[in-house]
C-alpha atoms as a PDB file:
ATOM      1  CA  MET A   1      25.194  15.986 -45.527  1.00  0.00           C
ATOM      2  CA  LYS A   2      22.111  13.570 -46.190  1.00  0.00           C
ATOM      3  CA  CYS A   3      23.975  10.788 -44.592  1.00  0.00           C
ATOM      4  CA  ILE A   4      24.371  13.000 -41.513  1.00  0.00           C
ATOM      5  CA  GLY A   5      20.601  13.750 -41.388  1.00  0.00           C
ATOM      6  CA  VAL A   6      19.651  10.213 -41.776  1.00  0.00           C
ATOM      7  CA  LEU A   7      22.019   9.089 -38.811  1.00  0.00           C
ATOM      8  CA  PHE A   8      20.605  12.052 -36.694  1.00  0.00           C
ATOM      9  CA  LEU A   9      17.107  10.916 -37.281  1.00  0.00           C
ATOM     10  CA  VAL A  10      18.204   6.993 -36.237  1.00  0.00           C
ATOM     11  CA  LEU A  11      19.831   8.393 -33.163  1.00  0.00           C
ATOM     12  CA  PHE A  12      17.015  10.657 -32.211  1.00  0.00           C
ATOM     13  CA  GLY A  13      14.435   8.073 -32.859  1.00  0.00           C
ATOM     14  CA  SER A  14      16.405   5.570 -30.531  1.00  0.00           C
ATOM     15  CA  ILE A  15      16.763   8.106 -27.723  1.00  0.00           C
ATOM     16  CA  VAL A  16      13.139   8.656 -28.067  1.00  0.00           C
ATOM     17  CA  VAL A  17      12.252   5.104 -27.762  1.00  0.00           C
ATOM     18  CA  PHE A  18      14.453   4.660 -24.757  1.00  0.00           C
ATOM     19  CA  ALA A  19      12.833   7.679 -22.987  1.00  0.00           C
ATOM     20  CA  GLN A  20       9.327   6.110 -23.271  1.00  0.00           C
ATOM     21  CA  ASN A  21       7.626   6.147 -20.249  1.00  0.00           C
ATOM     22  CA  GLU A  22       5.479   3.158 -19.137  1.00  0.00           C
ATOM     23  CA  GLN A  23       2.228   4.861 -18.051  1.00  0.00           C
ATOM     24  CA  ALA A  24      -0.765   2.443 -18.474  1.00  0.00           C
ATOM     25  CA  PRO A  25      -4.429   2.919 -17.861  1.00  0.00           C
ATOM     26  CA  ILE A  26      -6.449   1.499 -14.980  1.00  0.00           C
ATOM     27  CA  LEU A  27      -8.085  -1.933 -16.501  1.00  0.00           C
ATOM     28  CA  GLU A  28     -10.638  -4.393 -14.982  1.00  0.00           C
ATOM     29  CA  LYS A  29      -9.048  -8.031 -15.348  1.00  0.00           C
ATOM     30  CA  ASP A  30      -9.696 -11.252 -14.170  1.00  0.00           C
ATOM     31  CA  ILE A  31      -6.841 -12.050 -11.447  1.00  0.00           C
ATOM     32  CA  ALA A  32      -6.800 -14.824  -8.843  1.00  0.00           C
ATOM     33  CA  TYR A  33      -5.314 -12.354  -6.194  1.00  0.00           C
ATOM     34  CA  LYS A  34      -4.366 -14.196  -2.774  1.00  0.00           C
ATOM     35  CA  ASP A  35      -4.231 -13.132   0.585  1.00  0.00           C
ATOM     36  CA  TRP A  36      -0.524 -12.770   1.956  1.00  0.00           C
ATOM     37  CA  THR A  37       1.678 -12.498   4.934  1.00  0.00           C
ATOM     38  CA  LEU A  38       4.865 -10.729   4.238  1.00  0.00           C
ATOM     39  CA  LYS A  39       7.623  -9.012   6.033  1.00  0.00           C
ATOM     40  CA  ASP A  40       7.843  -5.200   6.743  1.00  0.00           C
ATOM     41  CA  ILE A  41      10.789  -3.710   4.973  1.00  0.00           C
ATOM     42  CA  ARG A  42      11.438  -1.264   7.941  1.00  0.00           C
ATOM     43  CA  SER A  43      10.816  -3.619  11.032  1.00  0.00           C
ATOM     44  CA  ASP A  44      10.745  -7.124   9.715  1.00  0.00           C
ATOM     45  CA  LYS A  45       7.376  -7.511  11.301  1.00  0.00           C
ATOM     46  CA  GLN A  46       4.751  -9.808   9.657  1.00  0.00           C
ATOM     47  CA  VAL A  47       1.992  -8.062   7.717  1.00  0.00           C
ATOM     48  CA  ASN A  48      -1.157  -9.454   6.548  1.00  0.00           C
ATOM     49  CA  LEU A  49      -3.162  -8.041   3.595  1.00  0.00           C
ATOM     50  CA  ARG A  50      -6.610  -8.608   4.948  1.00  0.00           C
ATOM     51  CA  ASP A  51      -5.589  -7.224   8.459  1.00  0.00           C
ATOM     52  CA  LEU A  52      -4.202  -4.027   6.818  1.00  0.00           C
ATOM     53  CA  SER A  53      -7.596  -3.675   4.715  1.00  0.00           C
ATOM     54  CA  LYS A  54      -9.810  -3.519   7.801  1.00  0.00           C
ATOM     55  CA  GLY A  55     -11.799  -0.228   8.277  1.00  0.00           C
ATOM     56  CA  LYS A  56     -10.493   0.968   4.631  1.00  0.00           C
ATOM     57  CA  ARG A  57     -12.669   1.689   1.556  1.00  0.00           C
ATOM     58  CA  LEU A  58      -9.722   1.343  -0.945  1.00  0.00           C
ATOM     59  CA  VAL A  59      -6.426  -0.831  -0.911  1.00  0.00           C
ATOM     60  CA  VAL A  60      -3.511  -0.029  -3.453  1.00  0.00           C
ATOM     61  CA  VAL A  61      -1.019  -2.520  -3.530  1.00  0.00           C
ATOM     62  CA  VAL A  62       2.063  -1.223  -5.674  1.00  0.00           C
ATOM     63  CA  TYR A  63       4.732  -3.619  -6.510  1.00  0.00           C
ATOM     64  CA  PHE A  64       8.148  -2.174  -7.040  1.00  0.00           C
ATOM     65  CA  ALA A  65      11.846  -2.626  -7.169  1.00  0.00           C
ATOM     66  CA  PRO A  66      13.864   0.238  -5.697  1.00  0.00           C
ATOM     67  CA  TRP A  67      16.457   0.460  -8.828  1.00  0.00           C
ATOM     68  CA  CYS A  68      13.667   0.868 -11.241  1.00  0.00           C
ATOM     69  CA  HIS A  69      13.120   4.402 -12.884  1.00  0.00           C
ATOM     70  CA  ASN A  70       9.296   4.005 -12.962  1.00  0.00           C
ATOM     71  CA  TRP A  71       9.175   3.559  -9.025  1.00  0.00           C
ATOM     72  CA  GLN A  72      11.333   6.489  -8.760  1.00  0.00           C
ATOM     73  CA  HIS A  73       8.788   8.379 -11.049  1.00  0.00           C
ATOM     74  CA  ASP A  74       5.504   7.159  -9.103  1.00  0.00           C
ATOM     75  CA  ALA A  75       6.890   7.304  -5.466  1.00  0.00           C
ATOM     76  CA  PRO A  76       6.380  11.022  -4.988  1.00  0.00           C
ATOM     77  CA  LEU A  77       3.089  10.773  -6.692  1.00  0.00           C
ATOM     78  CA  LEU A  78       2.122   7.869  -4.422  1.00  0.00           C
ATOM     79  CA  GLN A  79       3.273   9.445  -1.132  1.00  0.00           C
ATOM     80  CA  ARG A  80       0.891  12.660  -2.375  1.00  0.00           C
ATOM     81  CA  PHE A  81      -2.061  10.593  -2.807  1.00  0.00           C
ATOM     82  CA  TYR A  82      -1.614   8.779   0.706  1.00  0.00           C
ATOM     83  CA  ASP A  83      -1.042  12.022   2.636  1.00  0.00           C
ATOM     84  CA  LYS A  84      -4.338  13.317   0.767  1.00  0.00           C
ATOM     85  CA  TYR A  85      -6.488  10.387   1.314  1.00  0.00           C
ATOM     86  CA  LYS A  86      -5.250   8.343   4.114  1.00  0.00           C
ATOM     87  CA  ASP A  87      -7.697   9.889   6.372  1.00  0.00           C
ATOM     88  CA  LYS A  88     -10.592   8.997   4.064  1.00  0.00           C
ATOM     89  CA  GLY A  89     -10.397   5.365   3.494  1.00  0.00           C
ATOM     90  CA  LEU A  90      -7.310   5.003   1.348  1.00  0.00           C
ATOM     91  CA  GLU A  91      -4.440   2.420   2.021  1.00  0.00           C
ATOM     92  CA  ILE A  92      -1.386   2.244  -0.070  1.00  0.00           C
ATOM     93  CA  VAL A  93       1.080  -0.871   0.492  1.00  0.00           C
ATOM     94  CA  GLY A  94       4.333  -1.343  -1.515  1.00  0.00           C
ATOM     95  CA  VAL A  95       5.622  -4.889  -2.108  1.00  0.00           C
ATOM     96  CA  GLY A  96       9.292  -4.779  -2.819  1.00  0.00           C
ATOM     97  CA  GLU A  97      10.916  -7.230  -5.388  1.00  0.00           C
ATOM     98  CA  TYR A  98      14.307  -8.045  -6.963  1.00  0.00           C
ATOM     99  CA  ASP A  99      16.634  -6.345  -4.482  1.00  0.00           C
ATOM    100  CA  PRO A 100      18.038  -6.497  -0.978  1.00  0.00           C
ATOM    101  CA  VAL A 101      16.088  -5.116   2.006  1.00  0.00           C
ATOM    102  CA  TYR A 102      18.538  -2.552   2.726  1.00  0.00           C
ATOM    103  CA  SER A 103      18.113  -1.210  -0.848  1.00  0.00           C
ATOM    104  CA  MET A 104      14.580  -1.033  -0.520  1.00  0.00           C
ATOM    105  CA  ARG A 105      14.687   0.712   2.724  1.00  0.00           C
ATOM    106  CA  GLN A 106      17.106   3.343   1.374  1.00  0.00           C
ATOM    107  CA  SER A 107      14.597   4.033  -1.264  1.00  0.00           C
ATOM    108  CA  LEU A 108      11.635   4.441   0.855  1.00  0.00           C
ATOM    109  CA  ASP A 109      13.678   6.890   3.140  1.00  0.00           C
ATOM    110  CA  ALA A 110      14.981   8.948   0.149  1.00  0.00           C
ATOM    111  CA  PHE A 111      11.391   9.429  -1.036  1.00  0.00           C
ATOM    112  CA  LYS A 112      10.157   9.648   2.491  1.00  0.00           C
ATOM    113  CA  ILE A 113       7.764   7.269   2.078  1.00  0.00           C
ATOM    114  CA  THR A 114       5.408   6.976   4.985  1.00  0.00           C
ATOM    115  CA  PHE A 115       2.896   4.233   3.666  1.00  0.00           C
ATOM    116  CA  PRO A 116       3.360   0.631   4.554  1.00  0.00           C
ATOM    117  CA  ALA A 117       5.600  -1.564   2.668  1.00  0.00           C
ATOM    118  CA  VAL A 118       6.574  -5.182   2.682  1.00  0.00           C
ATOM    119  CA  TYR A 119       8.709  -7.311   0.556  1.00  0.00           C
ATOM    120  CA  GLU A 120       8.188 -10.584  -1.373  1.00  0.00           C
ATOM    121  CA  SER A 121      11.485 -11.074  -3.007  1.00  0.00           C
ATOM    122  CA  THR A 122      15.088 -10.100  -2.643  1.00  0.00           C
ATOM    123  CA  SER A 123      16.616 -12.027  -5.599  1.00  0.00           C
ATOM    124  CA  ARG A 124      16.492 -11.274  -9.357  1.00  0.00           C
ATOM    125  CA  ASP A 125      14.609 -14.631 -10.031  1.00  0.00           C
ATOM    126  CA  LEU A 126      11.498 -12.975 -11.292  1.00  0.00           C
ATOM    127  CA  GLU A 127       9.619 -15.815 -12.484  1.00  0.00           C
ATOM    128  CA  ALA A 128       9.765 -17.327  -8.856  1.00  0.00           C
ATOM    129  CA  THR A 129       7.569 -14.569  -7.689  1.00  0.00           C
ATOM    130  CA  LEU A 130       3.499 -14.200  -7.521  1.00  0.00           C
ATOM    131  CA  HIS A 131       4.144 -10.717  -8.727  1.00  0.00           C
ATOM    132  CA  TYR A 132       5.184 -12.168 -12.012  1.00  0.00           C
ATOM    133  CA  ALA A 133       2.452 -14.665 -12.177  1.00  0.00           C
ATOM    134  CA  TYR A 134       0.039 -11.968 -11.610  1.00  0.00           C
ATOM    135  CA  ARG A 135       1.556  -9.497 -14.101  1.00  0.00           C
ATOM    136  CA  ARG A 136       1.517 -12.229 -16.877  1.00  0.00           C
ATOM    137  CA  SER A 137      -2.027 -13.100 -16.110  1.00  0.00           C
ATOM    138  CA  THR A 138      -3.347  -9.201 -16.628  1.00  0.00           C
ATOM    139  CA  GLY A 139      -1.275  -9.099 -19.992  1.00  0.00           C
ATOM    140  CA  ASP A 140       1.662  -7.289 -18.573  1.00  0.00           C
ATOM    141  CA  THR A 141       4.697  -8.152 -21.389  1.00  0.00           C
ATOM    142  CA  ARG A 142       7.236  -6.211 -19.779  1.00  0.00           C
ATOM    143  CA  LYS A 143      10.597  -8.106 -18.302  1.00  0.00           C
ATOM    144  CA  TRP A 144      10.415  -6.715 -14.729  1.00  0.00           C
ATOM    145  CA  GLY A 145       7.126  -5.194 -14.099  1.00  0.00           C
ATOM    146  CA  SER A 146       7.833  -2.433 -11.802  1.00  0.00           C
ATOM    147  CA  VAL A 147       5.964  -0.814 -11.236  1.00  0.00           C
ATOM    148  CA  TYR A 148       2.753  -2.882 -11.061  1.00  0.00           C
ATOM    149  CA  TYR A 149      -0.749  -1.961  -9.338  1.00  0.00           C
ATOM    150  CA  VAL A 150      -3.646  -4.017  -7.902  1.00  0.00           C
ATOM    151  CA  PHE A 151      -6.705  -2.178  -6.528  1.00  0.00           C
ATOM    152  CA  LEU A 152      -8.766  -3.733  -3.805  1.00  0.00           C
ATOM    153  CA  GLU A 153     -11.998  -2.766  -2.472  1.00  0.00           C
ATOM    154  CA  PRO A 154     -12.101  -4.453   0.961  1.00  0.00           C
ATOM    155  CA  SER A 155     -16.130  -4.470   0.983  1.00  0.00           C
ATOM    156  CA  LEU A 156     -15.806  -6.775  -2.036  1.00  0.00           C
ATOM    157  CA  MET A 157     -12.847  -9.084  -0.923  1.00  0.00           C
ATOM    158  CA  ASN A 158     -13.599 -12.649   0.289  1.00  0.00           C
ATOM    159  CA  LYS A 159     -13.660 -12.609   4.047  1.00  0.00           C
ATOM    160  CA  SER A 160     -11.634 -15.795   4.425  1.00  0.00           C
ATOM    161  CA  GLY A 161      -9.637 -18.272   2.388  1.00  0.00           C
ATOM    162  CA  ASP A 162      -6.579 -18.041   0.049  1.00  0.00           C
ATOM    163  CA  LEU A 163      -8.211 -16.026  -2.705  1.00  0.00           C
ATOM    164  CA  VAL A 164      -8.835 -12.337  -2.030  1.00  0.00           C
ATOM    165  CA  VAL A 165     -10.487 -11.475  -5.384  1.00  0.00           C
ATOM    166  CA  SER A 166     -10.905 -13.032  -8.670  1.00  0.00           C
ATOM    167  CA  HIS A 167     -11.506  -9.887 -10.387  1.00  0.00           C
ATOM    168  CA  THR A 168     -10.371  -6.421  -9.956  1.00  0.00           C
ATOM    169  CA  GLN A 169      -8.683  -3.393 -11.296  1.00  0.00           C
ATOM    170  CA  ILE A 170      -4.911  -3.305 -12.027  1.00  0.00           C
ATOM    171  CA  ILE A 171      -2.296  -1.160 -13.794  1.00  0.00           C
ATOM    172  CA  ASN A 172       0.315  -2.905 -16.011  1.00  0.00           C
ATOM    173  CA  GLY A 173       2.814   0.108 -15.688  1.00  0.00           C
ATOM    174  CA  GLU A 174       3.245   3.623 -14.317  1.00  0.00           C
ATOM    175  CA  VAL A 175      -0.011   5.400 -12.860  1.00  0.00           C
ATOM    176  CA  ILE A 176      -1.619   8.106 -14.816  1.00  0.00           C
ATOM    177  CA  GLU A 177      -2.164  10.818 -12.195  1.00  0.00           C
ATOM    178  CA  PRO A 178      -5.282  12.558 -13.385  1.00  0.00           C
ATOM    179  CA  GLU A 179      -7.060   9.125 -13.982  1.00  0.00           C
ATOM    180  CA  ALA A 180      -5.838   7.483 -10.622  1.00  0.00           C
ATOM    181  CA  GLU A 181      -6.881  10.757  -8.726  1.00  0.00           C
ATOM    182  CA  LYS A 182     -10.434  10.508 -10.419  1.00  0.00           C
ATOM    183  CA  TYR A 183     -10.758   6.763  -9.590  1.00  0.00           C
ATOM    184  CA  ILE A 184      -9.342   7.194  -5.923  1.00  0.00           C
ATOM    185  CA  ARG A 185     -11.972   9.662  -5.277  1.00  0.00           C
ATOM    186  CA  GLU A 186     -14.661   7.698  -6.665  1.00  0.00           C
ATOM    187  CA  LYS A 187     -13.997   4.597  -4.831  1.00  0.00           C
ATOM    188  CA  LEU A 188     -13.635   6.843  -1.825  1.00  0.00           C
ATOM    189  CA  GLY A 189     -17.032   8.557  -2.194  1.00  0.00           C
ATOM    190  CA  LEU A 190     -15.563  11.994  -2.843  1.00  0.00           C
ATOM    191  CA  ALA A 191     -16.767  14.279  -5.440  1.00  0.00           C
ATOM    192  CA  PRO A 192     -14.812  15.003  -8.365  1.00  0.00           C
ATOM    193  CA  GLU A 193     -11.886  17.212  -8.504  1.00  0.00           C
ATOM    194  CA  VAL A 194      -9.840  19.069 -11.157  1.00  0.00           C
ATOM    195  CA  SER A 195      -6.036  17.512 -10.824  1.00  0.00           C
ATOM    196  CA  LYS A 196      -3.259  19.533 -11.528  1.00  0.00           C
ATOM    197  CA  ILE A 197      -0.394  17.883 -13.105  1.00  0.00           C
ATOM    198  CA  THR A 198       3.114  19.216 -11.945  1.00  0.00           C
ATOM    199  CA  SER A 199       6.174  19.443 -14.256  1.00  0.00           C
ATOM    200  CA  ASP A 200       7.716  16.617 -12.452  1.00  0.00           C
ATOM    201  CA  ASN A 201       4.920  14.200 -13.634  1.00  0.00           C
ATOM    202  CA  LYS A 202       5.411  15.573 -17.331  1.00  0.00           C
ATOM    203  CA  LYS A 203       8.718  14.030 -17.231  1.00  0.00           C
ATOM    204  CA  ALA A 204       8.914  10.784 -19.078  1.00  0.00           C
ATOM    205  CA  ALA A 205      10.256   7.835 -16.847  1.00  0.00           C
ATOM    206  CA  GLU A 206      13.163   5.489 -18.645  1.00  0.00           C
ATOM    207  CA  VAL A 207      12.238   1.838 -18.699  1.00  0.00           C
ATOM    208  CA  CYS A 208      13.705  -0.374 -16.035  1.00  0.00           C
ATOM    209  CA  ASP A 209      16.621  -2.470 -16.309  1.00  0.00           C
ATOM    210  CA  PRO A 210      18.292  -3.485 -12.958  1.00  0.00           C
ATOM    211  CA  GLN A 211      21.762  -3.399 -15.165  1.00  0.00           C
ATOM    212  CA  THR A 212      21.539   0.016 -15.500  1.00  0.00           C
ATOM    213  CA  PRO A 213      20.247   1.798 -12.363  1.00  0.00           C
ATOM    214  CA  VAL A 214      20.318   5.342 -11.545  1.00  0.00           C
ATOM    215  CA  PRO A 215      21.123   6.805  -8.071  1.00  0.00           C
ATOM    216  CA  LEU A 216      18.300   7.758  -5.988  1.00  0.00           C
ATOM    217  CA  LYS A 217      17.350  11.505  -6.270  1.00  0.00           C
ATOM    218  CA  LYS A 218      15.467  12.858  -3.380  1.00  0.00           C
ATOM    219  CA  PRO A 219      12.036  14.709  -4.099  1.00  0.00           C
ATOM    220  CA  VAL A 220      12.116  18.435  -4.191  1.00  0.00           C
ATOM    221  CA  GLU A 221      11.141  19.963  -1.180  1.00  0.00           C
END
């Protein structure tokens, strides 16, 4: 009986570890973040970061892989932020990684994402991407690094040249909703608001592994 109990504890501990989410705080970091011009996932048109930032007060760049559980966890939350603050100076742009473009497009459609989305890579050669270099420079030790956030204030961005910023806020993982809500409102010059966490946001998202993808789940209407 004692052996069974020990085995249960070992198995339960393994399940808990596997089910850990990857929520991470907003941190200030040195990061040599460069301007980019990438293709739109939906239209294949060229999109430039500086052009996208014009007239905005805060730009949230979120790097994602469509097969990633953490992206699937954050996507509905990001869309809610976009719907709520896009007319108040917020821009969100997704940068797809490590999967074919059609998979990225399917993911955007499944979660009814309406904010802009471009792609940097379509192969699994993660070390060949700027995304990988940025993550490592800000202390992100995860293998795939989806999701990963870079926050940009257009008023503080370099107006020309390759380098956009050399220091800004980032998230090495999933967004923490109350913290992100507070941060966004501060940067947009809005008064604080008490945020409400839905039951969906309390669920732990599994650590990403492209070898064990899960089917896309459409958000609850």
